[in-house]
Amino acid sequence: MARPRAVELDPGYPEPMSDLERRALLPAGLRDVLPPDAAFEAAVVEKLIACFAAHGYRRVKAPLVEFEEGLLSGAGAAMASDTFRLMDPVSQRMMGLRADITPQIARIAATRLKKAPRPLRLSYAGEVLRVKGTQLRPERQFGQVGVELIGAETPQADAEMVLMAVEALASIGVPRMSVDLTAPLLVPSLCATFDISTESRTALMTALDRKDSAAVQNLAGSHANLLLTLLASAGEADTALAALATMNLPHGAVVERERLSQVTRLIRAAAPDLTLTVDPVENRGFAYHTGVSFTIFAPGLHGELGSGGRYMAVNGTIESAGPHGEPATGFTLYVDEILRVLPSAENGPCIFVPMGTPGEVARQLRAQGWTTLSGLGPVDDPVAEARRLDCTHAYLDGRVVELPPG
């Protein structure tokens, strides 16, 4: 048998992966977060939660995995295609790994905190995992931070959500935010009044979301002029609301318009410099919302920093309606998007403390707020060792010495 001929690889052909490189390879949409980014992300989350706590929102923590029928009930069913599933070896029941935290908070409020006084203010922070990413957010695992206000139906509750979200983001340094307000039930109420079929209604709402005037004209028939006027009214909040006020709308749509106006006035009074826009036909992403909803943007960012709005908490689920539900509102902030608009994380000041320095010295330095890095063996040149370990200072001859850049 002839010996196999050695094959010479093209110099441009990538070298085969080593075992170590293969083990380091992660699935698409997942990544390791390294220093100093991991610490920076954790600090951002804690600052956001601290802002919520200052407003009376108490933190809860839900499990990563729940039984499938609970996790995907109500509005949670919309996340079914994004949810990883696995079999529980103990109960032999199917479980889902959460793709969104809001439905879990609704469950906690209706069960564990059923007897807690209303309105109930809760906050949360945690990771979610989704089957696939999107073009704007390729990450499949990312952090969510947010609040839910359950048992309050006033315009002041809606305004509190927007104002607190903006305040929390401003506290961590997010610049020049804008908030887009919408009323997700306005167009559906018009469609119901106009007796537009369910099939045509779905296509019409999609056309409105896409701002496709031609499709709206074709689908709306005799009602096209009203819907096109509604579509054209989107823009700066005061201008948009003034345009909406002149429109002859049926009763259900008037109710939605007036609520939107009330909430906008409350936000304007508390944050006059905040950039506010109104899009009365936007429904994309607000499938289960029952009232004023919003999205937060920042300059240069394609995705949103966060979104939220009003819904019904029904028997531990979130719904678009329900006879025995609790009125609720809330929002979710997306940590991955927030980090994109903040300055890059940097390692803070760190002092190298050579081996042999009394332990009390390092304790005093830490009490003063310094980060200390203690030498674990003798070194000939403490300054060189401090540089090697990325320290910014060294403790030399009884004092703290700042290391010159280099």
Protein backbone atom coordinates (compact mmCIF):
# COMPACT_ATOMS: atom_id res chain seq x y z
CA MET A 1 0.00 0.00 0.00
CA ALA A 2 1.37 3.36 -0.98
CA ARG A 3 2.11 5.82 1.78
CA PRO A 4 -0.29 8.79 1.90
CA ARG A 5 1.27 11.87 0.38
CA ALA A 6 1.83 14.78 2.73
CA VAL A 7 -0.41 17.71 1.92
CA GLU A 8 1.15 21.13 2.06
CA LEU A 9 -1.21 23.82 3.34
CA ASP A 10 -1.53 27.07 1.51
CA PRO A 11 0.30 29.78 3.52
CA GLY A 12 -2.95 31.77 3.62
CA TYR A 13 -4.95 28.82 5.00
CA PRO A 14 -5.74 29.20 8.72
CA GLU A 15 -3.83 26.92 11.02
CA PRO A 16 -5.84 24.17 12.74
CA MET A 17 -7.18 25.09 16.17
CA SER A 18 -5.37 23.80 19.19
CA ASP A 19 -7.35 21.94 21.89
CA LEU A 20 -7.11 25.01 24.11
CA GLU A 21 -8.43 27.30 21.38
CA ARG A 22 -11.26 24.87 20.66
CA ARG A 23 -12.28 24.83 24.33
CA ALA A 24 -12.30 28.63 24.37
CA LEU A 25 -14.67 28.82 21.42
CA LEU A 26 -18.16 29.92 22.51
CA PRO A 27 -21.52 29.56 20.75
CA ALA A 28 -22.62 32.46 18.56
CA GLY A 29 -24.07 35.32 20.58
CA LEU A 30 -22.27 34.39 23.79
CA ARG A 31 -19.06 35.87 25.17
CA ASP A 32 -16.79 36.10 28.16
CA VAL A 33 -16.68 39.50 29.87
CA LEU A 34 -13.16 40.26 31.08
CA PRO A 35 -11.58 42.81 33.45
CA PRO A 36 -12.21 45.68 33.76
CA ASP A 37 -15.49 45.36 31.82
CA ALA A 38 -17.09 42.80 34.13
CA ALA A 39 -16.60 44.98 37.21
CA PHE A 40 -17.78 48.05 35.31
CA GLU A 41 -20.95 46.28 34.17
CA ALA A 42 -21.69 45.11 37.73
CA ALA A 43 -21.20 48.65 39.05
CA VAL A 44 -23.58 50.05 36.41
CA VAL A 45 -26.26 47.53 37.39
CA GLU A 46 -25.90 48.31 41.09
CA LYS A 47 -26.15 52.07 40.47
CA LEU A 48 -29.35 51.57 38.51
CA ILE A 49 -30.82 49.36 41.25
CA ALA A 50 -29.77 51.93 43.89
CA CYS A 51 -31.67 54.63 42.00
CA PHE A 52 -34.79 52.45 41.93
CA ALA A 53 -34.40 51.69 45.64
CA ALA A 54 -34.28 55.41 46.40
CA HIS A 55 -37.75 55.63 44.83
CA GLY A 56 -39.09 52.82 47.02
CA TYR A 57 -38.69 49.88 44.62
CA ARG A 58 -37.70 46.71 46.45
CA ARG A 59 -35.49 44.19 44.70
CA VAL A 60 -36.62 40.65 43.94
CA LYS A 61 -34.74 37.77 42.34
CA ALA A 62 -36.37 35.18 40.10
CA PRO A 63 -34.84 31.82 39.08
CA LEU A 64 -33.11 31.34 35.74
CA VAL A 65 -35.29 28.32 34.95
CA GLU A 66 -39.01 27.70 35.49
CA PHE A 67 -41.56 25.13 34.42
CA GLU A 68 -42.49 25.76 30.82
CA GLU A 69 -46.23 26.21 31.33
CA GLY A 70 -45.67 28.96 33.89
CA LEU A 71 -42.89 30.77 32.10
CA LEU A 72 -44.68 30.82 28.74
CA SER A 73 -48.23 31.58 29.89
CA GLY A 74 -50.03 34.81 29.06
CA ALA A 75 -47.84 37.31 27.26
CA GLY A 76 -44.87 35.07 28.00
CA ALA A 77 -46.09 32.92 25.09
CA ALA A 78 -44.68 35.59 22.78
CA MET A 79 -41.20 34.49 23.92
CA ALA A 80 -41.79 30.78 23.19
CA SER A 81 -39.68 30.75 20.02
CA ASP A 82 -36.83 32.51 21.88
CA THR A 83 -36.84 30.16 24.88
CA PHE A 84 -34.38 27.33 25.47
CA ARG A 85 -36.11 24.23 26.86
CA LEU A 86 -34.79 21.31 28.87
CA MET A 87 -36.17 18.37 30.81
CA ASP A 88 -36.11 18.54 34.61
CA PRO A 89 -34.51 15.23 35.70
CA VAL A 90 -36.30 15.46 39.07
CA SER A 91 -39.92 16.12 38.07
CA GLN A 92 -39.66 14.90 34.45
CA ARG A 93 -41.43 18.10 33.40
CA MET A 94 -40.29 20.50 30.69
CA MET A 95 -38.61 23.68 31.85
CA GLY A 96 -37.70 26.90 30.08
CA LEU A 97 -34.68 29.14 30.57
CA ARG A 98 -36.01 32.68 30.85
CA ALA A 99 -35.80 34.93 27.81
CA ASP A 100 -37.41 37.87 29.63
CA ILE A 101 -37.80 38.71 33.34
CA THR A 102 -41.02 40.79 33.33
CA PRO A 103 -43.40 37.77 33.26
CA GLN A 104 -41.57 36.33 36.27
CA ILE A 105 -42.14 39.51 38.27
CA ALA A 106 -45.88 39.35 37.46
CA ARG A 107 -45.92 35.78 38.79
CA ILE A 108 -44.10 36.75 42.00
CA ALA A 109 -46.50 39.65 42.59
CA ALA A 110 -49.56 37.42 42.16
CA THR A 111 -48.28 34.56 44.31
CA ARG A 112 -45.50 35.21 46.82
CA LEU A 113 -46.50 38.87 47.26
CA LYS A 114 -50.24 38.48 46.75
CA LYS A 115 -51.03 40.03 50.16
CA ALA A 116 -48.46 42.84 49.96
CA PRO A 117 -50.05 46.31 49.95
CA ARG A 118 -50.65 47.94 46.59
CA PRO A 119 -49.29 49.70 44.69
CA LEU A 120 -46.45 47.21 44.75
CA ARG A 121 -43.06 48.52 43.66
CA LEU A 122 -40.50 45.90 42.64
CA SER A 123 -37.11 46.04 40.91
CA TYR A 124 -34.94 43.33 39.40
CA ALA A 125 -31.66 42.65 37.63
CA GLY A 126 -30.51 39.50 35.90
CA GLU A 127 -29.36 37.72 32.76
CA VAL A 128 -31.65 36.34 30.08
CA LEU A 129 -30.85 33.86 27.33
CA ARG A 130 -32.51 33.67 23.92
CA VAL A 131 -32.41 31.07 21.18
CA LYS A 132 -31.28 33.60 18.60
CA GLY A 133 -30.10 37.18 18.41
CA THR A 134 -31.33 39.91 16.11
CA GLN A 135 -29.64 42.17 13.60
CA LEU A 136 -29.61 45.04 16.12
CA ARG A 137 -28.75 42.82 19.09
CA PRO A 138 -26.73 39.76 18.03
CA GLU A 139 -26.08 38.86 21.68
CA ARG A 140 -28.19 35.95 22.89
CA GLN A 141 -27.33 36.45 26.55
CA PHE A 142 -27.60 39.92 28.05
CA GLY A 143 -28.59 41.69 31.23
CA GLN A 144 -31.95 43.22 32.03
CA VAL A 145 -32.57 45.76 34.80
CA GLY A 146 -36.00 47.14 35.48
CA VAL A 147 -39.00 47.83 37.68
CA GLU A 148 -42.68 46.94 37.85
CA LEU A 149 -45.36 49.08 39.49
CA ILE A 150 -48.37 46.85 40.14
CA GLY A 151 -51.76 48.05 41.34
CA ALA A 152 -51.66 51.68 40.12
CA GLU A 153 -53.62 52.97 37.13
CA THR A 154 -53.15 56.75 37.32
CA PRO A 155 -51.32 58.90 34.76
CA GLN A 156 -48.86 59.73 37.55
CA ALA A 157 -47.81 56.06 37.61
CA ASP A 158 -47.14 56.12 33.86
CA ALA A 159 -45.11 59.32 34.21
CA GLU A 160 -43.14 57.88 37.13
CA MET A 161 -41.88 55.08 34.90
CA VAL A 162 -40.49 57.43 32.26
CA LEU A 163 -39.01 59.89 34.75
CA MET A 164 -37.38 57.22 36.89
CA ALA A 165 -35.90 55.39 33.89
CA VAL A 166 -34.37 58.63 32.62
CA GLU A 167 -33.09 59.59 36.07
CA ALA A 168 -31.47 56.18 36.54
CA LEU A 169 -29.75 56.32 33.15
CA ALA A 170 -28.58 59.88 33.78
CA SER A 171 -27.10 58.78 37.12
CA ILE A 172 -24.67 56.46 35.32
CA GLY A 173 -23.72 59.05 32.71
CA VAL A 174 -25.94 58.27 29.71
CA PRO A 175 -26.00 61.48 27.65
CA ARG A 176 -28.78 63.27 25.75
CA MET A 177 -31.57 60.72 25.92
CA SER A 178 -34.83 60.94 24.01
CA VAL A 179 -38.09 59.22 24.89
CA ASP A 180 -40.66 58.14 22.31
CA LEU A 181 -44.20 57.82 23.72
CA THR A 182 -46.96 55.79 22.13
CA ALA A 183 -50.50 54.57 22.82
CA PRO A 184 -50.63 50.94 21.59
CA LEU A 185 -54.43 50.68 21.87
CA LEU A 186 -55.19 53.77 19.79
CA VAL A 187 -55.00 52.12 16.36
CA PRO A 188 -56.69 48.87 17.52
CA SER A 189 -59.59 50.94 18.91
CA LEU A 190 -59.94 52.65 15.54
CA CYS A 191 -59.87 49.31 13.72
CA ALA A 192 -62.59 47.96 16.04
CA THR A 193 -64.75 51.03 15.44
CA PHE A 194 -64.24 50.77 11.68
CA ASP A 195 -65.05 47.04 11.77
CA ILE A 196 -61.82 46.13 9.97
CA SER A 197 -61.31 42.34 9.78
CA THR A 198 -58.68 40.69 11.93
CA GLU A 199 -56.59 39.74 8.91
CA SER A 200 -56.70 43.25 7.45
CA ARG A 201 -56.08 44.74 10.88
CA THR A 202 -52.83 42.80 11.29
CA ALA A 203 -51.59 43.88 7.87
CA LEU A 204 -52.66 47.48 8.51
CA MET A 205 -50.86 47.70 11.84
CA THR A 206 -47.74 46.26 10.24
CA ALA A 207 -47.94 48.91 7.51
CA LEU A 208 -48.33 51.65 10.13
CA ASP A 209 -45.35 50.34 12.08
CA ARG A 210 -43.30 50.43 8.87
CA LYS A 211 -44.60 53.91 8.03
CA ASP A 212 -45.73 52.53 4.65
CA SER A 213 -48.25 55.15 3.47
CA ALA A 214 -49.04 53.33 0.23
CA ALA A 215 -49.92 50.11 2.04
CA VAL A 216 -52.05 52.02 4.56
CA GLN A 217 -53.92 53.67 1.65
CA ASN A 218 -54.63 50.28 0.09
CA LEU A 219 -55.65 48.51 3.30
CA ALA A 220 -57.70 51.18 5.07
CA GLY A 221 -60.12 51.99 2.25
CA SER A 222 -62.45 54.83 3.20
CA HIS A 223 -60.66 55.30 6.52
CA ALA A 224 -57.25 55.85 4.91
CA ASN A 225 -57.24 59.65 5.25
CA LEU A 226 -57.73 59.50 9.01
CA LEU A 227 -55.00 56.89 9.48
CA LEU A 228 -52.59 58.72 7.19
CA THR A 229 -53.19 61.93 9.15
CA LEU A 230 -52.51 59.97 12.32
CA LEU A 231 -49.33 58.57 10.77
CA ALA A 232 -48.16 62.05 9.72
CA SER A 233 -48.70 63.47 13.21
CA ALA A 234 -45.76 61.56 14.68
CA GLY A 235 -42.91 63.75 15.85
CA GLU A 236 -42.00 66.23 18.59
CA ALA A 237 -44.41 65.69 21.48
CA ASP A 238 -46.09 69.08 21.70
CA THR A 239 -46.55 69.33 17.93
CA ALA A 240 -47.83 65.75 17.65
CA LEU A 241 -50.33 66.17 20.48
CA ALA A 242 -51.57 69.45 19.00
CA ALA A 243 -52.18 67.66 15.71
CA LEU A 244 -53.97 64.79 17.46
CA ALA A 245 -56.19 67.25 19.34
CA THR A 246 -57.64 68.55 16.06
CA MET A 247 -58.60 65.07 14.82
CA ASN A 248 -62.19 63.86 15.00
CA LEU A 249 -61.70 60.47 16.67
CA PRO A 250 -64.20 57.93 18.03
CA HIS A 251 -64.63 57.66 21.80
CA GLY A 252 -62.16 54.81 22.40
CA ALA A 253 -59.40 56.58 20.52
CA VAL A 254 -60.17 59.85 22.32
CA VAL A 255 -59.62 58.09 25.67
CA GLU A 256 -56.20 56.88 24.52
CA ARG A 257 -55.30 60.32 23.14
CA GLU A 258 -56.24 62.09 26.37
CA ARG A 259 -54.27 59.66 28.52
CA LEU A 260 -51.24 60.17 26.30
CA SER A 261 -51.64 63.95 26.64
CA GLN A 262 -51.96 63.75 30.43
CA VAL A 263 -48.82 61.65 30.82
CA THR A 264 -46.87 63.89 28.47
CA ARG A 265 -47.82 66.99 30.47
CA LEU A 266 -46.70 65.33 33.71
CA ILE A 267 -43.34 64.39 32.19
CA ARG A 268 -42.89 67.86 30.71
CA ALA A 269 -43.57 69.50 34.09
CA ALA A 270 -40.97 67.35 35.87
CA ALA A 271 -38.33 67.21 33.10
CA PRO A 272 -38.78 70.22 30.78
CA ASP A 273 -35.44 69.64 29.02
CA LEU A 274 -36.08 65.99 28.16
CA THR A 275 -36.48 65.31 24.44
CA LEU A 276 -39.96 63.83 23.99
CA THR A 277 -41.52 62.51 20.81
CA VAL A 278 -44.90 60.92 20.20
CA ASP A 279 -45.70 58.18 17.68
CA PRO A 280 -49.44 57.45 17.93
CA VAL A 281 -49.38 54.49 15.52
CA GLU A 282 -46.32 52.59 16.83
CA ASN A 283 -47.27 49.13 18.05
CA ARG A 284 -44.17 47.06 17.29
CA GLY A 285 -42.79 45.61 20.52
CA PHE A 286 -45.88 46.57 22.54
CA ALA A 287 -48.07 43.55 21.79
CA TYR A 288 -49.41 43.07 25.34
CA HIS A 289 -49.44 46.72 26.44
CA THR A 290 -52.75 48.32 27.38
CA GLY A 291 -51.84 51.99 27.71
CA VAL A 292 -49.11 54.60 27.43
CA SER A 293 -45.81 52.94 26.53
CA PHE A 294 -42.36 54.28 25.73
CA THR A 295 -38.93 53.60 24.30
CA ILE A 296 -35.68 55.30 25.34
CA PHE A 297 -32.98 56.12 22.80
CA ALA A 298 -29.53 57.73 22.84
CA PRO A 299 -27.62 59.44 20.01
CA GLY A 300 -25.58 57.10 17.83
CA LEU A 301 -27.28 53.95 19.13
CA HIS A 302 -29.30 51.85 16.68
CA GLY A 303 -31.10 49.86 19.36
CA GLU A 304 -33.05 51.14 22.33
CA LEU A 305 -31.70 51.63 25.86
CA GLY A 306 -34.96 50.40 27.30
CA SER A 307 -38.70 50.23 26.89
CA GLY A 308 -41.81 49.87 28.98
CA GLY A 309 -45.43 50.71 29.44
CA ARG A 310 -48.80 49.77 30.86
CA TYR A 311 -50.23 46.24 30.93
CA MET A 312 -52.59 44.04 32.94
CA ALA A 313 -51.19 41.57 35.48
CA VAL A 314 -53.71 38.70 35.31
CA ASN A 315 -53.34 35.65 37.57
CA GLY A 316 -49.58 35.94 37.60
CA THR A 317 -49.20 36.64 33.89
CA ILE A 318 -49.04 39.78 31.80
CA GLU A 319 -51.93 40.26 29.40
CA SER A 320 -53.47 42.77 27.03
CA ALA A 321 -56.77 42.44 28.91
CA GLY A 322 -58.34 40.60 31.81
CA PRO A 323 -61.46 40.95 33.98
CA HIS A 324 -59.70 40.17 37.24
CA GLY A 325 -56.29 41.64 36.59
CA GLU A 326 -54.31 44.32 38.32
CA PRO A 327 -53.33 47.45 36.40
CA ALA A 328 -49.55 47.58 36.11
CA THR A 329 -46.76 49.43 34.38
CA GLY A 330 -43.00 49.04 34.26
CA PHE A 331 -39.89 49.14 32.11
CA THR A 332 -36.82 47.15 31.23
CA LEU A 333 -33.35 48.57 30.56
CA TYR A 334 -30.90 46.60 28.41
CA VAL A 335 -27.44 46.52 29.94
CA ASP A 336 -25.60 45.64 26.73
CA GLU A 337 -27.04 48.65 24.93
CA ILE A 338 -26.38 50.95 27.88
CA LEU A 339 -22.70 49.98 27.95
CA ARG A 340 -22.36 50.96 24.28
CA VAL A 341 -23.05 54.62 25.06
CA LEU A 342 -20.86 54.87 28.17
CA PRO A 343 -17.12 55.57 28.17
CA SER A 344 -14.93 52.47 28.00
CA ALA A 345 -14.15 50.84 31.32
CA GLU A 346 -10.69 51.43 32.77
CA ASN A 347 -8.77 49.87 35.61
CA GLY A 348 -8.78 52.18 38.61
CA PRO A 349 -5.78 53.17 40.75
CA CYS A 350 -3.99 50.19 42.29
CA ILE A 351 -1.02 50.15 44.68
CA PHE A 352 1.63 47.45 44.57
CA VAL A 353 2.64 46.54 48.12
CA PRO A 354 5.97 44.62 48.15
CA MET A 355 6.29 41.45 50.18
CA GLY A 356 7.48 42.24 53.70
CA THR A 357 5.39 45.38 54.09
CA PRO A 358 3.45 45.16 57.39
CA GLY A 359 -0.12 43.96 56.86
CA GLU A 360 -1.46 46.93 58.79
CA VAL A 361 -0.14 49.26 56.08
CA ALA A 362 -2.18 47.53 53.36
CA ARG A 363 -5.28 47.52 55.60
CA GLN A 364 -4.95 51.26 56.18
CA LEU A 365 -4.57 51.87 52.45
CA ARG A 366 -7.72 49.87 51.70
CA ALA A 367 -9.58 51.76 54.44
CA GLN A 368 -8.63 54.96 52.61
CA GLY A 369 -10.23 53.60 49.42
CA TRP A 370 -7.17 52.25 47.64
CA THR A 371 -6.98 48.92 45.86
CA THR A 372 -3.89 47.05 47.03
CA LEU A 373 -2.04 44.27 45.25
CA SER A 374 0.33 42.48 47.61
CA GLY A 375 3.57 40.96 46.38
CA LEU A 376 3.70 37.20 46.89
CA GLY A 377 7.46 36.86 46.61
CA PRO A 378 10.66 38.93 46.80
CA VAL A 379 11.45 41.13 43.78
CA ASP A 380 14.62 43.02 42.90
CA ASP A 381 12.77 45.97 41.37
CA PRO A 382 9.37 46.78 42.97
CA VAL A 383 8.68 49.53 40.42
CA ALA A 384 9.18 47.15 37.48
CA GLU A 385 7.01 44.55 39.19
CA ALA A 386 4.28 47.13 39.81
CA ARG A 387 4.34 48.09 36.13
CA ARG A 388 4.22 44.42 35.08
CA LEU A 389 1.10 43.93 37.16
CA ASP A 390 -0.59 47.06 35.74
CA CYS A 391 -0.48 48.93 39.03
CA THR A 392 -0.60 52.72 38.97
CA HIS A 393 1.25 53.21 42.29
CA ALA A 394 3.73 51.42 44.50
CA TYR A 395 4.36 51.54 48.25
CA LEU A 396 8.06 52.38 48.54
CA ASP A 397 10.08 53.48 51.55
CA GLY A 398 7.00 54.10 53.68
CA ARG A 399 5.01 56.16 51.17
CA VAL A 400 2.74 55.85 48.16
CA VAL A 401 4.56 56.63 44.91
CA GLU A 402 2.70 57.31 41.66
CA LEU A 403 4.29 55.55 38.71
CA PRO A 404 4.93 57.73 35.68
CA PRO A 405 3.27 56.50 32.47
CA GLY A 406 5.41 54.35 30.27
